[in-house]
Amino acid sequence: YADSLDGRFSISRDNAKNIVYLQMDNLKPEDTAVYYCA
């Protein structure tokens, strides 16, 4: 994780479904952005 997130985001994956998730909690205006997976 990036240090700046303060523990608000969590990444996980379900390999059976081949999906990756990004759980974002306590969102702030500065989280406004285009989000990319890679």
Full PDB file with SEQRES, HELIX, SHEET, SSBOND, CRYST1, ORIGX, SCALE, CONECT and MASTER records, all heavy atoms in Angstrom:
SEQRES   1 A   38  TYR ALA ASP SER LEU ASP GLY ARG PHE SER ILE SER ARG          
SEQRES   2 A   38  ASP ASN ALA LYS ASN ILE VAL TYR LEU GLN MET ASP ASN          
SEQRES   3 A   38  LEU LYS PRO GLU ASP THR ALA VAL TYR TYR CYS ALA              
HELIX    1 AA1 ASP A    3  LEU A    5  5                                   3    
HELIX    2 AA2 PRO A   29  ASP A   31  5                                   3    
SHEET    1 AA1 2 PHE A   9  ASP A  14  0                                        
SHEET    2 AA1 2 ILE A  19  MET A  24 -1                                        
CRYST1    1.000    1.000    1.000  90.00  90.00  90.00 P 1           1          
ORIGX1      1.000000  0.000000  0.000000        0.00000                         
ORIGX2      0.000000  1.000000  0.000000        0.00000                         
ORIGX3      0.000000  0.000000  1.000000        0.00000                         
SCALE1      1.000000  0.000000  0.000000        0.00000                         
SCALE2      0.000000  1.000000  0.000000        0.00000                         
SCALE3      0.000000  0.000000  1.000000        0.00000                         
ATOM      1  N   TYR A   1       0.822  -1.197   0.000  1.00  0.00           N  
ATOM      2  CA  TYR A   1       0.000   0.000   0.000  1.00  0.00           C  
ATOM      3  C   TYR A   1       0.862   1.255   0.000  1.00  0.00           C  
ATOM      4  O   TYR A   1       1.965   1.269   0.561  1.00  0.00           O  
ATOM      5  CB  TYR A   1      -0.901   0.038   1.240  1.00  0.00           C  
ATOM      6  CG  TYR A   1      -1.916  -1.062   1.286  1.00  0.00           C  
ATOM      7  CD1 TYR A   1      -1.664  -2.238   1.998  1.00  0.00           C  
ATOM      8  CD2 TYR A   1      -3.132  -0.943   0.624  1.00  0.00           C  
ATOM      9  CE1 TYR A   1      -2.599  -3.263   2.041  1.00  0.00           C  
ATOM     10  CE2 TYR A   1      -4.071  -1.958   0.659  1.00  0.00           C  
ATOM     11  CZ  TYR A   1      -3.802  -3.115   1.365  1.00  0.00           C  
ATOM     12  OH  TYR A   1      -4.735  -4.122   1.398  1.00  0.00           O  
ATOM     13  N   ALA A   2       0.302   2.297  -0.598  1.00  0.00           N  
ATOM     14  CA  ALA A   2       0.940   3.599  -0.491  1.00  0.00           C  
ATOM     15  C   ALA A   2       0.811   4.102   0.941  1.00  0.00           C  
ATOM     16  O   ALA A   2      -0.228   3.913   1.583  1.00  0.00           O  
ATOM     17  CB  ALA A   2       0.264   4.582  -1.453  1.00  0.00           C  
ATOM     18  N   ASP A   3       1.848   4.733   1.439  1.00  0.00           N  
ATOM     19  CA  ASP A   3       1.852   5.202   2.820  1.00  0.00           C  
ATOM     20  C   ASP A   3       0.771   6.242   3.080  1.00  0.00           C  
ATOM     21  O   ASP A   3       0.287   6.387   4.205  1.00  0.00           O  
ATOM     22  CB  ASP A   3       3.221   5.793   3.162  1.00  0.00           C  
ATOM     23  CG  ASP A   3       4.308   4.741   3.194  1.00  0.00           C  
ATOM     24  OD1 ASP A   3       3.981   3.548   3.374  1.00  0.00           O  
ATOM     25  OD2 ASP A   3       5.491   5.106   3.023  1.00  0.00           O  
ATOM     26  N   SER A   4       0.377   6.960   2.068  1.00  0.00           N  
ATOM     27  CA  SER A   4      -0.539   8.085   2.247  1.00  0.00           C  
ATOM     28  C   SER A   4      -1.987   7.659   2.510  1.00  0.00           C  
ATOM     29  O   SER A   4      -2.817   8.493   2.834  1.00  0.00           O  
ATOM     30  CB  SER A   4      -0.514   8.970   0.995  1.00  0.00           C  
ATOM     31  OG  SER A   4      -0.911   8.224  -0.147  1.00  0.00           O  
ATOM     32  N   LEU A   5      -2.294   6.388   2.393  1.00  0.00           N  
ATOM     33  CA  LEU A   5      -3.685   5.951   2.499  1.00  0.00           C  
ATOM     34  C   LEU A   5      -4.191   5.868   3.932  1.00  0.00           C  
ATOM     35  O   LEU A   5      -5.397   5.792   4.162  1.00  0.00           O  
ATOM     36  CB  LEU A   5      -3.854   4.593   1.826  1.00  0.00           C  
ATOM     37  CG  LEU A   5      -3.590   4.556   0.322  1.00  0.00           C  
ATOM     38  CD1 LEU A   5      -3.737   3.150  -0.198  1.00  0.00           C  
ATOM     39  CD2 LEU A   5      -4.505   5.515  -0.415  1.00  0.00           C  
ATOM     40  N   ASP A   6      -3.319   5.809   4.894  1.00  0.00           N  
ATOM     41  CA  ASP A   6      -3.710   5.753   6.315  1.00  0.00           C  
ATOM     42  C   ASP A   6      -4.626   4.583   6.612  1.00  0.00           C  
ATOM     43  O   ASP A   6      -5.527   4.679   7.455  1.00  0.00           O  
ATOM     44  CB  ASP A   6      -4.408   7.055   6.733  1.00  0.00           C  
ATOM     45  CG  ASP A   6      -3.496   8.259   6.612  1.00  0.00           C  
ATOM     46  OD1 ASP A   6      -2.278   8.101   6.840  1.00  0.00           O  
ATOM     47  OD2 ASP A   6      -3.987   9.343   6.277  1.00  0.00           O  
ATOM     48  N   GLY A   7      -4.430   3.474   5.926  1.00  0.00           N  
ATOM     49  CA  GLY A   7      -5.186   2.269   6.215  1.00  0.00           C  
ATOM     50  C   GLY A   7      -6.627   2.291   5.742  1.00  0.00           C  
ATOM     51  O   GLY A   7      -7.415   1.426   6.121  1.00  0.00           O  
ATOM     52  N   ARG A   8      -6.995   3.250   4.897  1.00  0.00           N  
ATOM     53  CA  ARG A   8      -8.397   3.361   4.484  1.00  0.00           C  
ATOM     54  C   ARG A   8      -8.746   2.451   3.316  1.00  0.00           C  
ATOM     55  O   ARG A   8      -9.917   2.182   3.058  1.00  0.00           O  
ATOM     56  CB  ARG A   8      -8.689   4.817   4.100  1.00  0.00           C  
ATOM     57  CG  ARG A   8      -8.537   5.792   5.254  1.00  0.00           C  
ATOM     58  CD  ARG A   8      -8.886   7.226   4.835  1.00  0.00           C  
ATOM     59  NE  ARG A   8      -7.981   7.739   3.812  1.00  0.00           N  
ATOM     60  CZ  ARG A   8      -8.353   8.052   2.578  1.00  0.00           C  
ATOM     61  NH1 ARG A   8      -9.617   7.905   2.210  1.00  0.00           N  
ATOM     62  NH2 ARG A   8      -7.474   8.518   1.705  1.00  0.00           N  
ATOM     63  N   PHE A   9      -7.763   1.984   2.576  1.00  0.00           N  
ATOM     64  CA  PHE A   9      -7.998   1.150   1.405  1.00  0.00           C  
ATOM     65  C   PHE A   9      -7.502  -0.263   1.664  1.00  0.00           C  
ATOM     66  O   PHE A   9      -6.528  -0.465   2.401  1.00  0.00           O  
ATOM     67  CB  PHE A   9      -7.268   1.713   0.184  1.00  0.00           C  
ATOM     68  CG  PHE A   9      -7.815   3.020  -0.329  1.00  0.00           C  
ATOM     69  CD1 PHE A   9      -8.723   3.775   0.382  1.00  0.00           C  
ATOM     70  CD2 PHE A   9      -7.388   3.490  -1.568  1.00  0.00           C  
ATOM     71  CE1 PHE A   9      -9.216   4.969  -0.105  1.00  0.00           C  
ATOM     72  CE2 PHE A   9      -7.874   4.694  -2.070  1.00  0.00           C  
ATOM     73  CZ  PHE A   9      -8.782   5.431  -1.328  1.00  0.00           C  
ATOM     74  N   SER A  10      -8.160  -1.212   1.018  1.00  0.00           N  
ATOM     75  CA  SER A  10      -7.765  -2.609   1.164  1.00  0.00           C  
ATOM     76  C   SER A  10      -7.880  -3.317  -0.178  1.00  0.00           C  
ATOM     77  O   SER A  10      -8.912  -3.230  -0.843  1.00  0.00           O  
ATOM     78  CB  SER A  10      -8.657  -3.300   2.200  1.00  0.00           C  
ATOM     79  OG  SER A  10      -8.345  -4.682   2.290  1.00  0.00           O  
ATOM     80  N   ILE A  11      -6.832  -4.016  -0.562  1.00  0.00           N  
ATOM     81  CA  ILE A  11      -6.841  -4.755  -1.818  1.00  0.00           C  
ATOM     82  C   ILE A  11      -6.986  -6.243  -1.537  1.00  0.00           C  
ATOM     83  O   ILE A  11      -6.438  -6.755  -0.547  1.00  0.00           O  
ATOM     84  CB  ILE A  11      -5.557  -4.472  -2.641  1.00  0.00           C  
ATOM     85  CG1 ILE A  11      -5.669  -5.062  -4.047  1.00  0.00           C  
ATOM     86  CG2 ILE A  11      -4.320  -4.994  -1.929  1.00  0.00           C  
ATOM     87  CD1 ILE A  11      -4.536  -4.609  -4.976  1.00  0.00           C  
ATOM     88  N   SER A  12      -7.740  -6.925  -2.370  1.00  0.00           N  
ATOM     89  CA  SER A  12      -7.916  -8.359  -2.222  1.00  0.00           C  
ATOM     90  C   SER A  12      -8.160  -8.962  -3.601  1.00  0.00           C  
ATOM     91  O   SER A  12      -8.367  -8.236  -4.580  1.00  0.00           O  
ATOM     92  CB  SER A  12      -9.088  -8.675  -1.287  1.00  0.00           C  
ATOM     93  OG  SER A  12     -10.303  -8.165  -1.822  1.00  0.00           O  
ATOM     94  N   ARG A  13      -8.116 -10.269  -3.661  1.00  0.00           N  
ATOM     95  CA  ARG A  13      -8.371 -10.918  -4.955  1.00  0.00           C  
ATOM     96  C   ARG A  13      -9.076 -12.238  -4.736  1.00  0.00           C  
ATOM     97  O   ARG A  13      -8.898 -12.898  -3.710  1.00  0.00           O  
ATOM     98  CB  ARG A  13      -7.074 -11.130  -5.727  1.00  0.00           C  
ATOM     99  CG  ARG A  13      -6.084 -12.114  -5.150  1.00  0.00           C  
ATOM    100  CD  ARG A  13      -4.757 -12.052  -5.908  1.00  0.00           C  
ATOM    101  NE  ARG A  13      -4.904 -12.375  -7.312  1.00  0.00           N  
ATOM    102  CZ  ARG A  13      -4.026 -11.992  -8.247  1.00  0.00           C  
ATOM    103  NH1 ARG A  13      -2.957 -11.283  -7.925  1.00  0.00           N  
ATOM    104  NH2 ARG A  13      -4.229 -12.320  -9.515  1.00  0.00           N  
ATOM    105  N   ASP A  14      -9.896 -12.586  -5.711  1.00  0.00           N  
ATOM    106  CA  ASP A  14     -10.570 -13.868  -5.743  1.00  0.00           C  
ATOM    107  C   ASP A  14     -10.035 -14.580  -6.984  1.00  0.00           C  
ATOM    108  O   ASP A  14     -10.486 -14.320  -8.097  1.00  0.00           O  
ATOM    109  CB  ASP A  14     -12.086 -13.656  -5.832  1.00  0.00           C  
ATOM    110  CG  ASP A  14     -12.870 -14.958  -5.793  1.00  0.00           C  
ATOM    111  OD1 ASP A  14     -12.304 -16.013  -6.164  1.00  0.00           O  
ATOM    112  OD2 ASP A  14     -14.040 -14.924  -5.421  1.00  0.00           O  
ATOM    113  N   ASN A  15      -9.075 -15.444  -6.784  1.00  0.00           N  
ATOM    114  CA  ASN A  15      -8.434 -16.088  -7.932  1.00  0.00           C  
ATOM    115  C   ASN A  15      -9.376 -17.062  -8.641  1.00  0.00           C  
ATOM    116  O   ASN A  15      -9.224 -17.322  -9.831  1.00  0.00           O  
ATOM    117  CB  ASN A  15      -7.163 -16.795  -7.501  1.00  0.00           C  
ATOM    118  CG  ASN A  15      -5.983 -15.832  -7.406  1.00  0.00           C  
ATOM    119  OD1 ASN A  15      -6.039 -14.704  -7.906  1.00  0.00           O  
ATOM    120  ND2 ASN A  15      -4.920 -16.248  -6.752  1.00  0.00           N  
ATOM    121  N   ALA A  16     -10.338 -17.600  -7.925  1.00  0.00           N  
ATOM    122  CA  ALA A  16     -11.296 -18.495  -8.563  1.00  0.00           C  
ATOM    123  C   ALA A  16     -12.130 -17.740  -9.599  1.00  0.00           C  
ATOM    124  O   ALA A  16     -12.456 -18.264 -10.663  1.00  0.00           O  
ATOM    125  CB  ALA A  16     -12.201 -19.130  -7.517  1.00  0.00           C  
ATOM    126  N   LYS A  17     -12.462 -16.488  -9.274  1.00  0.00           N  
ATOM    127  CA  LYS A  17     -13.227 -15.647 -10.197  1.00  0.00           C  
ATOM    128  C   LYS A  17     -12.325 -14.743 -11.034  1.00  0.00           C  
ATOM    129  O   LYS A  17     -12.812 -14.070 -11.946  1.00  0.00           O  
ATOM    130  CB  LYS A  17     -14.219 -14.790  -9.418  1.00  0.00           C  
ATOM    131  CG  LYS A  17     -15.270 -15.587  -8.665  1.00  0.00           C  
ATOM    132  CD  LYS A  17     -16.226 -14.648  -7.925  1.00  0.00           C  
ATOM    133  CE  LYS A  17     -17.297 -15.425  -7.187  1.00  0.00           C  
ATOM    134  NZ  LYS A  17     -18.218 -14.534  -6.435  1.00  0.00           N  
ATOM    135  N   ASN A  18     -11.037 -14.724 -10.702  1.00  0.00           N  
ATOM    136  CA  ASN A  18     -10.087 -13.881 -11.410  1.00  0.00           C  
ATOM    137  C   ASN A  18     -10.479 -12.405 -11.340  1.00  0.00           C  
ATOM    138  O   ASN A  18     -10.487 -11.699 -12.354  1.00  0.00           O  
ATOM    139  CB  ASN A  18      -9.956 -14.324 -12.878  1.00  0.00           C  
ATOM    140  CG  ASN A  18      -8.589 -14.040 -13.445  1.00  0.00           C  
ATOM    141  OD1 ASN A  18      -7.657 -13.734 -12.714  1.00  0.00           O  
ATOM    142  ND2 ASN A  18      -8.466 -14.113 -14.756  1.00  0.00           N  
ATOM    143  N   ILE A  19     -10.811 -11.964 -10.146  1.00  0.00           N  
ATOM    144  CA  ILE A  19     -11.200 -10.575  -9.914  1.00  0.00           C  
ATOM    145  C   ILE A  19     -10.348 -10.014  -8.784  1.00  0.00           C  
ATOM    146  O   ILE A  19     -10.075 -10.707  -7.803  1.00  0.00           O  
ATOM    147  CB  ILE A  19     -12.691 -10.457  -9.544  1.00  0.00           C  
ATOM    148  CG1 ILE A  19     -13.564 -10.955 -10.699  1.00  0.00           C  
ATOM    149  CG2 ILE A  19     -13.046  -9.006  -9.216  1.00  0.00           C  
ATOM    150  CD1 ILE A  19     -15.041 -10.943 -10.367  1.00  0.00           C  
ATOM    151  N   VAL A  20      -9.953  -8.778  -8.945  1.00  0.00           N  
ATOM    152  CA  VAL A  20      -9.225  -8.056  -7.911  1.00  0.00           C  
ATOM    153  C   VAL A  20     -10.105  -6.902  -7.433  1.00  0.00           C  
ATOM    154  O   VAL A  20     -10.737  -6.231  -8.250  1.00  0.00           O  
ATOM    155  CB  VAL A  20      -7.888  -7.527  -8.439  1.00  0.00           C  
ATOM    156  CG1 VAL A  20      -7.188  -6.689  -7.385  1.00  0.00           C  
ATOM    157  CG2 VAL A  20      -7.003  -8.673  -8.872  1.00  0.00           C  
ATOM    158  N   TYR A  21     -10.118  -6.688  -6.141  1.00  0.00           N  
ATOM    159  CA  TYR A  21     -10.965  -5.658  -5.553  1.00  0.00           C  
ATOM    160  C   TYR A  21     -10.114  -4.600  -4.853  1.00  0.00           C  
ATOM    161  O   TYR A  21      -9.029  -4.883  -4.341  1.00  0.00           O  
ATOM    162  CB  TYR A  21     -11.904  -6.273  -4.513  1.00  0.00           C  
ATOM    163  CG  TYR A  21     -12.822  -7.323  -5.068  1.00  0.00           C  
ATOM    164  CD1 TYR A  21     -12.542  -8.682  -4.888  1.00  0.00           C  
ATOM    165  CD2 TYR A  21     -13.987  -6.978  -5.746  1.00  0.00           C  
ATOM    166  CE1 TYR A  21     -13.388  -9.662  -5.387  1.00  0.00           C  
ATOM    167  CE2 TYR A  21     -14.834  -7.936  -6.253  1.00  0.00           C  
ATOM    168  CZ  TYR A  21     -14.529  -9.276  -6.070  1.00  0.00           C  
ATOM    169  OH  TYR A  21     -15.366 -10.243  -6.565  1.00  0.00           O  
ATOM    170  N   LEU A  22     -10.646  -3.402  -4.830  1.00  0.00           N  
ATOM    171  CA  LEU A  22     -10.081  -2.328  -4.021  1.00  0.00           C  
ATOM    172  C   LEU A  22     -11.216  -1.760  -3.182  1.00  0.00           C  
ATOM    173  O   LEU A  22     -12.106  -1.090  -3.697  1.00  0.00           O  
ATOM    174  CB  LEU A  22      -9.449  -1.242  -4.887  1.00  0.00           C  
ATOM    175  CG  LEU A  22      -8.794  -0.111  -4.100  1.00  0.00           C  
ATOM    176  CD1 LEU A  22      -7.545  -0.619  -3.371  1.00  0.00           C  
ATOM    177  CD2 LEU A  22      -8.420   1.065  -5.006  1.00  0.00           C  
ATOM    178  N   GLN A  23     -11.194  -2.065  -1.898  1.00  0.00           N  
ATOM    179  CA  GLN A  23     -12.183  -1.530  -0.963  1.00  0.00           C  
ATOM    180  C   GLN A  23     -11.683  -0.191  -0.448  1.00  0.00           C  
ATOM    181  O   GLN A  23     -10.567  -0.112   0.087  1.00  0.00           O  
ATOM    182  CB  GLN A  23     -12.399  -2.502   0.202  1.00  0.00           C  
ATOM    183  CG  GLN A  23     -13.352  -2.007   1.258  1.00  0.00           C  
ATOM    184  CD  GLN A  23     -14.781  -1.901   0.758  1.00  0.00           C  
ATOM    185  OE1 GLN A  23     -15.252  -2.771   0.017  1.00  0.00           O  
ATOM    186  NE2 GLN A  23     -15.473  -0.850   1.157  1.00  0.00           N  
ATOM    187  N   MET A  24     -12.499   0.837  -0.612  1.00  0.00           N  
ATOM    188  CA  MET A  24     -12.099   2.182  -0.203  1.00  0.00           C  
ATOM    189  C   MET A  24     -13.095   2.693   0.824  1.00  0.00           C  
ATOM    190  O   MET A  24     -14.292   2.808   0.529  1.00  0.00           O  
ATOM    191  CB  MET A  24     -12.058   3.112  -1.421  1.00  0.00           C  
ATOM    192  CG  MET A  24     -11.181   2.593  -2.549  1.00  0.00           C  
ATOM    193  SD  MET A  24     -11.030   3.762  -3.912  1.00  0.00           S  
ATOM    194  CE  MET A  24     -12.698   3.774  -4.532  1.00  0.00           C  
ATOM    195  N   ASP A  25     -12.612   2.992   2.006  1.00  0.00           N  
ATOM    196  CA  ASP A  25     -13.458   3.451   3.099  1.00  0.00           C  
ATOM    197  C   ASP A  25     -13.059   4.853   3.534  1.00  0.00           C  
ATOM    198  O   ASP A  25     -11.942   5.308   3.263  1.00  0.00           O  
ATOM    199  CB  ASP A  25     -13.342   2.490   4.290  1.00  0.00           C  
ATOM    200  CG  ASP A  25     -13.827   1.092   3.957  1.00  0.00           C  
ATOM    201  OD1 ASP A  25     -14.854   0.965   3.263  1.00  0.00           O  
ATOM    202  OD2 ASP A  25     -13.180   0.131   4.391  1.00  0.00           O  
ATOM    203  N   ASN A  26     -13.980   5.502   4.223  1.00  0.00           N  
ATOM    204  CA  ASN A  26     -13.742   6.844   4.738  1.00  0.00           C  
ATOM    205  C   ASN A  26     -13.160   7.749   3.644  1.00  0.00           C  
ATOM    206  O   ASN A  26     -12.125   8.402   3.839  1.00  0.00           O  
ATOM    207  CB  ASN A  26     -12.796   6.787   5.938  1.00  0.00           C  
ATOM    208  CG  ASN A  26     -12.705   8.104   6.671  1.00  0.00           C  
ATOM    209  OD1 ASN A  26     -13.584   8.956   6.577  1.00  0.00           O  
ATOM    210  ND2 ASN A  26     -11.619   8.287   7.410  1.00  0.00           N  
ATOM    211  N   LEU A  27     -13.848   7.788   2.533  1.00  0.00           N  
ATOM    212  CA  LEU A  27     -13.328   8.521   1.385  1.00  0.00           C  
ATOM    213  C   LEU A  27     -13.304  10.020   1.631  1.00  0.00           C  
ATOM    214  O   LEU A  27     -14.166  10.573   2.326  1.00  0.00           O  
ATOM    215  CB  LEU A  27     -14.153   8.195   0.142  1.00  0.00           C  
ATOM    216  CG  LEU A  27     -13.839   6.812  -0.455  1.00  0.00           C  
ATOM    217  CD1 LEU A  27     -14.956   6.356  -1.375  1.00  0.00           C  
ATOM    218  CD2 LEU A  27     -12.518   6.850  -1.192  1.00  0.00           C  
ATOM    219  N   LYS A  28     -12.293  10.660   1.050  1.00  0.00           N  
ATOM    220  CA  LYS A  28     -12.076  12.093   1.203  1.00  0.00           C  
ATOM    221  C   LYS A  28     -12.117  12.756  -0.174  1.00  0.00           C  
ATOM    222  O   LYS A  28     -11.895  12.084  -1.182  1.00  0.00           O  
ATOM    223  CB  LYS A  28     -10.722  12.342   1.852  1.00  0.00           C  
ATOM    224  CG  LYS A  28     -10.537  11.644   3.195  1.00  0.00           C  
ATOM    225  CD  LYS A  28      -9.139  11.864   3.735  1.00  0.00           C  
ATOM    226  CE  LYS A  28      -8.952  11.158   5.072  1.00  0.00           C  
ATOM    227  NZ  LYS A  28      -7.587  11.363   5.625  1.00  0.00           N  
ATOM    228  N   PRO A  29     -12.360  14.059  -0.214  1.00  0.00           N  
ATOM    229  CA  PRO A  29     -12.377  14.740  -1.518  1.00  0.00           C  
ATOM    230  C   PRO A  29     -11.088  14.533  -2.305  1.00  0.00           C  
ATOM    231  O   PRO A  29     -11.129  14.436  -3.539  1.00  0.00           O  
ATOM    232  CB  PRO A  29     -12.567  16.210  -1.137  1.00  0.00           C  
ATOM    233  CG  PRO A  29     -13.309  16.160   0.151  1.00  0.00           C  
ATOM    234  CD  PRO A  29     -12.766  14.949   0.872  1.00  0.00           C  
ATOM    235  N   GLU A  30      -9.954  14.423  -1.623  1.00  0.00           N  
ATOM    236  CA  GLU A  30      -8.679  14.235  -2.317  1.00  0.00           C  
ATOM    237  C   GLU A  30      -8.530  12.844  -2.916  1.00  0.00           C  
ATOM    238  O   GLU A  30      -7.552  12.568  -3.617  1.00  0.00           O  
ATOM    239  CB  GLU A  30      -7.493  14.533  -1.384  1.00  0.00           C  
ATOM    240  CG  GLU A  30      -7.538  13.800  -0.062  1.00  0.00           C  
ATOM    241  CD  GLU A  30      -8.140  14.651   1.046  1.00  0.00           C  
ATOM    242  OE1 GLU A  30      -9.139  15.358   0.785  1.00  0.00           O  
ATOM    243  OE2 GLU A  30      -7.614  14.585   2.176  1.00  0.00           O  
ATOM    244  N   ASP A  31      -9.483  11.958  -2.652  1.00  0.00           N  
ATOM    245  CA  ASP A  31      -9.469  10.640  -3.303  1.00  0.00           C  
ATOM    246  C   ASP A  31     -10.116  10.697  -4.688  1.00  0.00           C  
ATOM    247  O   ASP A  31     -10.093   9.690  -5.421  1.00  0.00           O  
ATOM    248  CB  ASP A  31     -10.204   9.611  -2.449  1.00  0.00           C  
ATOM    249  CG  ASP A  31      -9.516   9.354  -1.122  1.00  0.00           C  
ATOM    250  OD1 ASP A  31      -8.271   9.239  -1.119  1.00  0.00           O  
ATOM    251  OD2 ASP A  31     -10.216   9.289  -0.095  1.00  0.00           O  
ATOM    252  N   THR A  32     -10.695  11.827  -5.029  1.00  0.00           N  
ATOM    253  CA  THR A  32     -11.275  11.986  -6.361  1.00  0.00           C  
ATOM    254  C   THR A  32     -10.196  11.844  -7.420  1.00  0.00           C  
ATOM    255  O   THR A  32      -9.187  12.539  -7.397  1.00  0.00           O  
ATOM    256  CB  THR A  32     -11.945  13.363  -6.486  1.00  0.00           C  
ATOM    257  OG1 THR A  32     -13.054  13.425  -5.582  1.00  0.00           O  
ATOM    258  CG2 THR A  32     -12.435  13.607  -7.909  1.00  0.00           C  
ATOM    259  N   ALA A  33     -10.404  10.898  -8.326  1.00  0.00           N  
ATOM    260  CA  ALA A  33      -9.398  10.606  -9.335  1.00  0.00           C  
ATOM    261  C   ALA A  33      -9.943   9.561 -10.302  1.00  0.00           C  
ATOM    262  O   ALA A  33     -10.994   8.962 -10.052  1.00  0.00           O  
ATOM    263  CB  ALA A  33      -8.117  10.072  -8.686  1.00  0.00           C  
ATOM    264  N   VAL A  34      -9.198   9.350 -11.357  1.00  0.00           N  
ATOM    265  CA  VAL A  34      -9.440   8.193 -12.224  1.00  0.00           C  
ATOM    266  C   VAL A  34      -8.600   7.057 -11.679  1.00  0.00           C  
ATOM    267  O   VAL A  34      -7.388   7.218 -11.476  1.00  0.00           O  
ATOM    268  CB  VAL A  34      -9.073   8.493 -13.682  1.00  0.00           C  
ATOM    269  CG1 VAL A  34      -9.274   7.246 -14.543  1.00  0.00           C  
ATOM    270  CG2 VAL A  34      -9.909   9.647 -14.219  1.00  0.00           C  
ATOM    271  N   TYR A  35      -9.233   5.924 -11.445  1.00  0.00           N  
ATOM    272  CA  TYR A  35      -8.556   4.770 -10.864  1.00  0.00           C  
ATOM    273  C   TYR A  35      -8.300   3.720 -11.940  1.00  0.00           C  
ATOM    274  O   TYR A  35      -9.200   3.393 -12.729  1.00  0.00           O  
ATOM    275  CB  TYR A  35      -9.397   4.181  -9.731  1.00  0.00           C  
ATOM    276  CG  TYR A  35      -9.332   5.000  -8.473  1.00  0.00           C  
ATOM    277  CD1 TYR A  35      -9.949   6.250  -8.397  1.00  0.00           C  
ATOM    278  CD2 TYR A  35      -8.623   4.555  -7.363  1.00  0.00           C  
ATOM    279  CE1 TYR A  35      -9.859   7.031  -7.261  1.00  0.00           C  
ATOM    280  CE2 TYR A  35      -8.542   5.326  -6.202  1.00  0.00           C  
ATOM    281  CZ  TYR A  35      -9.164   6.558  -6.163  1.00  0.00           C  
ATOM    282  OH  TYR A  35      -9.070   7.321  -5.022  1.00  0.00           O  
ATOM    283  N   TYR A  36      -7.086   3.204 -11.946  1.00  0.00           N  
ATOM    284  CA  TYR A  36      -6.662   2.231 -12.936  1.00  0.00           C  
ATOM    285  C   TYR A  36      -6.222   0.935 -12.259  1.00  0.00           C  
ATOM    286  O   TYR A  36      -5.520   0.977 -11.244  1.00  0.00           O  
ATOM    287  CB  TYR A  36      -5.465   2.751 -13.737  1.00  0.00           C  
ATOM    288  CG  TYR A  36      -5.709   4.011 -14.511  1.00  0.00           C  
ATOM    289  CD1 TYR A  36      -5.522   5.262 -13.924  1.00  0.00           C  
ATOM    290  CD2 TYR A  36      -6.099   3.965 -15.840  1.00  0.00           C  
ATOM    291  CE1 TYR A  36      -5.732   6.427 -14.630  1.00  0.00           C  
ATOM    292  CE2 TYR A  36      -6.307   5.132 -16.569  1.00  0.00           C  
ATOM    293  CZ  TYR A  36      -6.128   6.351 -15.953  1.00  0.00           C  
ATOM    294  OH  TYR A  36      -6.327   7.504 -16.670  1.00  0.00           O  
ATOM    295  N   CYS A  37      -6.601  -0.188 -12.832  1.00  0.00           N  
ATOM    296  CA  CYS A  37      -5.995  -1.432 -12.384  1.00  0.00           C  
ATOM    297  C   CYS A  37      -4.967  -1.862 -13.432  1.00  0.00           C  
ATOM    298  O   CYS A  37      -5.039  -1.461 -14.595  1.00  0.00           O  
ATOM    299  CB  CYS A  37      -7.019  -2.526 -12.146  1.00  0.00           C  
ATOM    300  SG  CYS A  37      -7.790  -3.210 -13.621  1.00  0.00           S  
ATOM    301  N   ALA A  38      -4.021  -2.659 -12.988  1.00  0.00           N  
ATOM    302  CA  ALA A  38      -2.931  -3.081 -13.856  1.00  0.00           C  
ATOM    303  C   ALA A  38      -2.447  -4.467 -13.446  1.00  0.00           C  
ATOM    304  O   ALA A  38      -2.594  -4.857 -12.283  1.00  0.00           O  
ATOM    305  CB  ALA A  38      -1.779  -2.078 -13.789  1.00  0.00           C  
TER     306      ALA A  38                                                      
MASTER        0    0    0    2    2    0    0    6  305    1    0    3          
END                                                                             
